[in-house]
Amino acid sequence: MSKRSLILLLLAVPALIAGGFYLRRLVRRNFFQIRTKPEGEITAQLRQEALAPESAAKVAVTLYFPDFDTGKLDPEARVMALASNNEDRIRQIVLALIEGPQAGHARALPPSTALRAVFLTASGDAYLDFSNTIREDFPVGISSETLSLYSVVDSLAANIPAVKRVKILVEGQQVNTLDGHADLTGFYVPNLPQASASP
């Protein structure tokens, strides 16, 4: 092997190694990295809007967001084009909570949360099946966790009278808690009077 070929080989090997590391990092970032929060919020908003028929009239709804300082829920008025059936309305309300508050309130659910399925029985039991992403950045502590869950329950009950109780599932299974605190083995019954009167 000539001296020139040897030099070219010695230069090419590090370049190939560096290129391999860069390609691996690029693939990992583009295909395996969890979505960023803004993308999650945009996805929630798009799914929420997709559920509403074009002919649907816009109505006033009230969403409840947690106030972790006072331990109460703060109402936030919205105008939404709600779907015609209750299960799609449940999806819209939950997706609006995932999208987040518009008036400076705290988040009820992490923006990466994905709602997998909804089922509403004739007796008013609403089953919400979330993906494991609901556990990411979920409020820590029994009070914060419970308040966030009630923001979902009370938002549903306030806007969909057919909802009487709410059961939270994760990946289609009953779980004891989300973060080791609030009990998820039973149903949550709406507690609308606990909401504060602040705008």
C-alpha atoms as a PDB file:
ATOM      1  CA  MET A   1       0.000   0.000   0.000  1.00  0.00           C
ATOM      2  CA  SER A   2       1.361   3.375  -0.972  1.00  0.00           C
ATOM      3  CA  LYS A   3       1.992   6.139   1.523  1.00  0.00           C
ATOM      4  CA  ARG A   4      -0.727   8.243  -0.079  1.00  0.00           C
ATOM      5  CA  SER A   5      -3.296   5.421   0.209  1.00  0.00           C
ATOM      6  CA  LEU A   6      -2.361   4.908   3.839  1.00  0.00           C
ATOM      7  CA  ILE A   7      -2.879   8.603   4.637  1.00  0.00           C
ATOM      8  CA  LEU A   8      -6.260   8.598   2.863  1.00  0.00           C
ATOM      9  CA  LEU A   9      -7.281   5.496   4.797  1.00  0.00           C
ATOM     10  CA  LEU A  10      -6.252   7.055   8.117  1.00  0.00           C
ATOM     11  CA  LEU A  11      -8.339  10.160   7.282  1.00  0.00           C
ATOM     12  CA  ALA A  12     -11.341   8.182   6.014  1.00  0.00           C
ATOM     13  CA  VAL A  13     -11.714   5.870   9.035  1.00  0.00           C
ATOM     14  CA  PRO A  14     -12.318   8.653  11.625  1.00  0.00           C
ATOM     15  CA  ALA A  15     -14.680  10.401   9.187  1.00  0.00           C
ATOM     16  CA  LEU A  16     -16.711   7.202   8.766  1.00  0.00           C
ATOM     17  CA  ILE A  17     -16.832   6.651  12.533  1.00  0.00           C
ATOM     18  CA  ALA A  18     -17.957  10.234  13.155  1.00  0.00           C
ATOM     19  CA  GLY A  19     -20.555   9.922  10.391  1.00  0.00           C
ATOM     20  CA  GLY A  20     -21.882   6.727  11.955  1.00  0.00           C
ATOM     21  CA  PHE A  21     -22.319   8.385  15.353  1.00  0.00           C
ATOM     22  CA  TYR A  22     -24.053  11.372  13.750  1.00  0.00           C
ATOM     23  CA  LEU A  23     -26.403   9.118  11.761  1.00  0.00           C
ATOM     24  CA  ARG A  24     -27.262   7.126  14.887  1.00  0.00           C
ATOM     25  CA  ARG A  25     -28.028  10.302  16.813  1.00  0.00           C
ATOM     26  CA  LEU A  26     -30.135  11.671  13.947  1.00  0.00           C
ATOM     27  CA  VAL A  27     -32.174   8.464  13.662  1.00  0.00           C
ATOM     28  CA  ARG A  28     -32.735   8.328  17.416  1.00  0.00           C
ATOM     29  CA  ARG A  29     -33.857  11.958  17.533  1.00  0.00           C
ATOM     30  CA  ASN A  30     -36.237  11.721  14.571  1.00  0.00           C
ATOM     31  CA  PHE A  31     -37.766   8.294  15.147  1.00  0.00           C
ATOM     32  CA  PHE A  32     -37.488   7.338  18.792  1.00  0.00           C
ATOM     33  CA  GLN A  33     -37.599  10.549  20.794  1.00  0.00           C
ATOM     34  CA  ILE A  34     -40.821  11.377  22.642  1.00  0.00           C
ATOM     35  CA  ARG A  35     -42.765  14.236  21.109  1.00  0.00           C
ATOM     36  CA  THR A  36     -42.110  17.659  22.529  1.00  0.00           C
ATOM     37  CA  LYS A  37     -44.790  19.376  24.538  1.00  0.00           C
ATOM     38  CA  PRO A  38     -45.865  21.913  21.887  1.00  0.00           C
ATOM     39  CA  GLU A  39     -46.452  19.095  19.393  1.00  0.00           C
ATOM     40  CA  GLY A  40     -48.578  17.284  21.958  1.00  0.00           C
ATOM     41  CA  GLU A  41     -50.696  20.372  22.528  1.00  0.00           C
ATOM     42  CA  ILE A  42     -51.164  20.898  18.793  1.00  0.00           C
ATOM     43  CA  THR A  43     -52.175  17.263  18.342  1.00  0.00           C
ATOM     44  CA  ALA A  44     -54.753  17.542  21.134  1.00  0.00           C
ATOM     45  CA  GLN A  45     -56.229  20.663  19.578  1.00  0.00           C
ATOM     46  CA  LEU A  46     -56.418  19.127  16.103  1.00  0.00           C
ATOM     47  CA  ARG A  47     -58.099  15.969  17.397  1.00  0.00           C
ATOM     48  CA  GLN A  48     -60.551  18.025  19.429  1.00  0.00           C
ATOM     49  CA  GLU A  49     -61.507  20.112  16.386  1.00  0.00           C
ATOM     50  CA  ALA A  50     -61.748  17.036  14.142  1.00  0.00           C
ATOM     51  CA  LEU A  51     -64.486  15.593  16.349  1.00  0.00           C
ATOM     52  CA  ALA A  52     -66.776  18.585  15.812  1.00  0.00           C
ATOM     53  CA  PRO A  53     -69.000  18.516  12.714  1.00  0.00           C
ATOM     54  CA  GLU A  54     -68.762  21.587  10.493  1.00  0.00           C
ATOM     55  CA  SER A  55     -72.465  22.313  11.035  1.00  0.00           C
ATOM     56  CA  ALA A  56     -72.245  22.172  14.831  1.00  0.00           C
ATOM     57  CA  ALA A  57     -73.238  25.357  16.620  1.00  0.00           C
ATOM     58  CA  LYS A  58     -70.675  26.711  19.051  1.00  0.00           C
ATOM     59  CA  VAL A  59     -71.714  26.575  22.679  1.00  0.00           C
ATOM     60  CA  ALA A  60     -70.322  27.925  25.937  1.00  0.00           C
ATOM     61  CA  VAL A  61     -68.517  25.337  28.040  1.00  0.00           C
ATOM     62  CA  THR A  62     -66.763  25.511  31.378  1.00  0.00           C
ATOM     63  CA  LEU A  63     -63.456  23.755  31.930  1.00  0.00           C
ATOM     64  CA  TYR A  64     -61.982  23.392  35.396  1.00  0.00           C
ATOM     65  CA  PHE A  65     -58.267  23.768  35.986  1.00  0.00           C
ATOM     66  CA  PRO A  66     -56.481  23.129  39.295  1.00  0.00           C
ATOM     67  CA  ASP A  67     -55.266  25.879  41.566  1.00  0.00           C
ATOM     68  CA  PHE A  68     -52.632  24.067  43.599  1.00  0.00           C
ATOM     69  CA  ASP A  69     -52.188  27.019  45.992  1.00  0.00           C
ATOM     70  CA  THR A  70     -55.826  27.133  47.129  1.00  0.00           C
ATOM     71  CA  GLY A  71     -56.641  23.458  46.594  1.00  0.00           C
ATOM     72  CA  LYS A  72     -59.665  24.387  44.473  1.00  0.00           C
ATOM     73  CA  LEU A  73     -60.640  24.315  40.821  1.00  0.00           C
ATOM     74  CA  ASP A  74     -60.745  27.471  38.739  1.00  0.00           C
ATOM     75  CA  PRO A  75     -63.410  27.639  36.011  1.00  0.00           C
ATOM     76  CA  GLU A  76     -62.423  28.796  32.544  1.00  0.00           C
ATOM     77  CA  ALA A  77     -65.110  29.662  30.001  1.00  0.00           C
ATOM     78  CA  ARG A  78     -64.638  28.472  26.422  1.00  0.00           C
ATOM     79  CA  VAL A  79     -66.699  28.441  23.254  1.00  0.00           C
ATOM     80  CA  MET A  80     -66.541  25.096  21.464  1.00  0.00           C
ATOM     81  CA  ALA A  81     -68.369  23.330  18.656  1.00  0.00           C
ATOM     82  CA  LEU A  82     -69.374  20.174  20.470  1.00  0.00           C
ATOM     83  CA  ALA A  83     -70.026  16.893  18.709  1.00  0.00           C
ATOM     84  CA  SER A  84     -73.514  15.400  18.611  1.00  0.00           C
ATOM     85  CA  ASN A  85     -72.851  12.256  20.680  1.00  0.00           C
ATOM     86  CA  ASN A  86     -71.730  12.166  24.284  1.00  0.00           C
ATOM     87  CA  GLU A  87     -68.647   9.983  23.838  1.00  0.00           C
ATOM     88  CA  ASP A  88     -67.188  12.392  21.267  1.00  0.00           C
ATOM     89  CA  ARG A  89     -68.070  15.292  23.583  1.00  0.00           C
ATOM     90  CA  ILE A  90     -66.155  13.563  26.376  1.00  0.00           C
ATOM     91  CA  ARG A  91     -63.153  13.266  24.049  1.00  0.00           C
ATOM     92  CA  GLN A  92     -63.402  16.960  23.138  1.00  0.00           C
ATOM     93  CA  ILE A  93     -63.514  18.093  26.781  1.00  0.00           C
ATOM     94  CA  VAL A  94     -60.567  15.876  27.787  1.00  0.00           C
ATOM     95  CA  LEU A  95     -58.556  16.985  24.740  1.00  0.00           C
ATOM     96  CA  ALA A  96     -59.260  20.629  25.612  1.00  0.00           C
ATOM     97  CA  LEU A  97     -57.848  19.949  29.090  1.00  0.00           C
ATOM     98  CA  ILE A  98     -54.777  18.318  27.532  1.00  0.00           C
ATOM     99  CA  GLU A  99     -54.373  21.331  25.242  1.00  0.00           C
ATOM    100  CA  GLY A 100     -54.134  23.391  28.414  1.00  0.00           C
ATOM    101  CA  PRO A 101     -55.554  26.567  29.939  1.00  0.00           C
ATOM    102  CA  GLN A 102     -55.904  29.846  28.076  1.00  0.00           C
ATOM    103  CA  ALA A 103     -56.256  32.106  31.100  1.00  0.00           C
ATOM    104  CA  GLY A 104     -53.066  31.440  33.055  1.00  0.00           C
ATOM    105  CA  HIS A 105     -54.330  28.557  35.170  1.00  0.00           C
ATOM    106  CA  ALA A 106     -52.310  25.474  36.048  1.00  0.00           C
ATOM    107  CA  ARG A 107     -52.461  22.425  33.791  1.00  0.00           C
ATOM    108  CA  ALA A 108     -54.847  19.604  34.624  1.00  0.00           C
ATOM    109  CA  LEU A 109     -53.052  17.024  32.467  1.00  0.00           C
ATOM    110  CA  PRO A 110     -49.559  16.813  30.980  1.00  0.00           C
ATOM    111  CA  PRO A 111     -49.462  17.949  27.315  1.00  0.00           C
ATOM    112  CA  SER A 112     -48.061  14.552  26.310  1.00  0.00           C
ATOM    113  CA  THR A 113     -51.221  12.798  27.548  1.00  0.00           C
ATOM    114  CA  ALA A 114     -52.962  10.588  24.992  1.00  0.00           C
ATOM    115  CA  LEU A 115     -56.597   9.524  25.367  1.00  0.00           C
ATOM    116  CA  ARG A 116     -56.887   6.021  23.891  1.00  0.00           C
ATOM    117  CA  ALA A 117     -60.607   5.318  24.269  1.00  0.00           C
ATOM    118  CA  VAL A 118     -63.858   6.521  25.824  1.00  0.00           C
ATOM    119  CA  PHE A 119     -66.900   4.510  26.849  1.00  0.00           C
ATOM    120  CA  LEU A 120     -70.115   5.840  28.428  1.00  0.00           C
ATOM    121  CA  THR A 121     -72.674   3.432  29.864  1.00  0.00           C
ATOM    122  CA  ALA A 122     -76.428   4.011  29.877  1.00  0.00           C
ATOM    123  CA  SER A 123     -76.240   4.590  33.643  1.00  0.00           C
ATOM    124  CA  GLY A 124     -73.719   7.425  33.232  1.00  0.00           C
ATOM    125  CA  ASP A 125     -70.428   5.691  34.028  1.00  0.00           C
ATOM    126  CA  ALA A 126     -67.694   7.206  31.856  1.00  0.00           C
ATOM    127  CA  TYR A 127     -64.560   5.125  31.310  1.00  0.00           C
ATOM    128  CA  LEU A 128     -61.494   7.075  30.157  1.00  0.00           C
ATOM    129  CA  ASP A 129     -58.589   4.979  28.917  1.00  0.00           C
ATOM    130  CA  PHE A 130     -55.302   6.893  28.805  1.00  0.00           C
ATOM    131  CA  SER A 131     -51.917   5.836  27.500  1.00  0.00           C
ATOM    132  CA  ASN A 132     -48.950   5.644  29.877  1.00  0.00           C
ATOM    133  CA  THR A 133     -48.001   9.187  28.842  1.00  0.00           C
ATOM    134  CA  ILE A 134     -50.490  10.505  31.430  1.00  0.00           C
ATOM    135  CA  ARG A 135     -47.917   9.535  34.066  1.00  0.00           C
ATOM    136  CA  GLU A 136     -45.297  11.897  32.609  1.00  0.00           C
ATOM    137  CA  ASP A 137     -45.043  15.160  34.556  1.00  0.00           C
ATOM    138  CA  PHE A 138     -48.310  14.428  36.382  1.00  0.00           C
ATOM    139  CA  PRO A 139     -48.717  16.613  39.508  1.00  0.00           C
ATOM    140  CA  VAL A 140     -47.014  15.043  42.512  1.00  0.00           C
ATOM    141  CA  GLY A 141     -48.699  14.537  45.882  1.00  0.00           C
ATOM    142  CA  ILE A 142     -52.114  13.292  47.007  1.00  0.00           C
ATOM    143  CA  SER A 143     -53.761  16.745  46.977  1.00  0.00           C
ATOM    144  CA  SER A 144     -52.341  17.803  43.603  1.00  0.00           C
ATOM    145  CA  GLU A 145     -53.047  14.444  41.996  1.00  0.00           C
ATOM    146  CA  THR A 146     -56.645  14.381  43.303  1.00  0.00           C
ATOM    147  CA  LEU A 147     -57.266  17.973  42.238  1.00  0.00           C
ATOM    148  CA  SER A 148     -56.054  17.247  38.710  1.00  0.00           C
ATOM    149  CA  LEU A 149     -58.324  14.208  38.474  1.00  0.00           C
ATOM    150  CA  TYR A 150     -61.297  16.265  39.653  1.00  0.00           C
ATOM    151  CA  SER A 151     -60.567  18.865  36.996  1.00  0.00           C
ATOM    152  CA  VAL A 152     -61.332  16.127  34.455  1.00  0.00           C
ATOM    153  CA  VAL A 153     -64.342  14.730  36.330  1.00  0.00           C
ATOM    154  CA  ASP A 154     -65.963  18.103  37.031  1.00  0.00           C
ATOM    155  CA  SER A 155     -65.272  19.444  33.524  1.00  0.00           C
ATOM    156  CA  LEU A 156     -67.074  16.430  32.071  1.00  0.00           C
ATOM    157  CA  ALA A 157     -70.007  16.615  34.481  1.00  0.00           C
ATOM    158  CA  ALA A 158     -70.446  20.371  34.019  1.00  0.00           C
ATOM    159  CA  ASN A 159     -70.764  20.086  30.238  1.00  0.00           C
ATOM    160  CA  ILE A 160     -72.194  16.605  29.699  1.00  0.00           C
ATOM    161  CA  PRO A 161     -75.097  15.910  32.098  1.00  0.00           C
ATOM    162  CA  ALA A 162     -75.137  12.230  31.087  1.00  0.00           C
ATOM    163  CA  VAL A 163     -71.802  11.740  32.904  1.00  0.00           C
ATOM    164  CA  LYS A 164     -72.478  10.690  36.500  1.00  0.00           C
ATOM    165  CA  ARG A 165     -69.213   8.978  37.461  1.00  0.00           C
ATOM    166  CA  VAL A 166     -65.745   8.666  35.911  1.00  0.00           C
ATOM    167  CA  LYS A 167     -63.335   5.729  35.933  1.00  0.00           C
ATOM    168  CA  ILE A 168     -59.702   6.231  34.891  1.00  0.00           C
ATOM    169  CA  LEU A 169     -57.873   3.392  33.119  1.00  0.00           C
ATOM    170  CA  VAL A 170     -54.312   3.257  31.815  1.00  0.00           C
ATOM    171  CA  GLU A 171     -53.519   1.185  28.723  1.00  0.00           C
ATOM    172  CA  GLY A 172     -56.889  -0.544  29.070  1.00  0.00           C
ATOM    173  CA  GLN A 173     -56.174  -1.700  32.631  1.00  0.00           C
ATOM    174  CA  GLN A 174     -57.259  -0.648  36.079  1.00  0.00           C
ATOM    175  CA  VAL A 175     -54.366   0.880  38.019  1.00  0.00           C
ATOM    176  CA  ASN A 176     -54.124   1.648  41.704  1.00  0.00           C
ATOM    177  CA  THR A 177     -52.704   5.162  41.234  1.00  0.00           C
ATOM    178  CA  LEU A 178     -50.999   7.336  38.641  1.00  0.00           C
ATOM    179  CA  ASP A 179     -48.092   8.479  40.784  1.00  0.00           C
ATOM    180  CA  GLY A 180     -48.555   6.520  43.997  1.00  0.00           C
ATOM    181  CA  HIS A 181     -51.117   8.803  45.618  1.00  0.00           C
ATOM    182  CA  ALA A 182     -54.757   9.249  44.486  1.00  0.00           C
ATOM    183  CA  ASP A 183     -56.772   6.007  44.516  1.00  0.00           C
ATOM    184  CA  LEU A 184     -57.939   4.987  41.024  1.00  0.00           C
ATOM    185  CA  THR A 185     -59.495   1.663  41.942  1.00  0.00           C
ATOM    186  CA  GLY A 186     -62.999   3.138  42.079  1.00  0.00           C
ATOM    187  CA  PHE A 187     -65.113   5.753  40.338  1.00  0.00           C
ATOM    188  CA  TYR A 188     -64.825   9.498  40.827  1.00  0.00           C
ATOM    189  CA  VAL A 189     -68.128  11.290  41.414  1.00  0.00           C
ATOM    190  CA  PRO A 190     -68.356  14.958  40.333  1.00  0.00           C
ATOM    191  CA  ASN A 191     -67.843  17.521  43.083  1.00  0.00           C
ATOM    192  CA  LEU A 192     -68.769  20.751  41.307  1.00  0.00           C
ATOM    193  CA  PRO A 193     -69.404  22.865  44.466  1.00  0.00           C
ATOM    194  CA  GLN A 194     -65.646  22.667  45.274  1.00  0.00           C
ATOM    195  CA  ALA A 195     -64.883  24.899  42.266  1.00  0.00           C
ATOM    196  CA  SER A 196     -63.907  28.424  43.240  1.00  0.00           C
ATOM    197  CA  ALA A 197     -65.777  31.461  41.977  1.00  0.00           C
ATOM    198  CA  SER A 198     -62.707  33.128  40.457  1.00  0.00           C
ATOM    199  CA  PRO A 199     -62.810  33.757  36.681  1.00  0.00           C
END
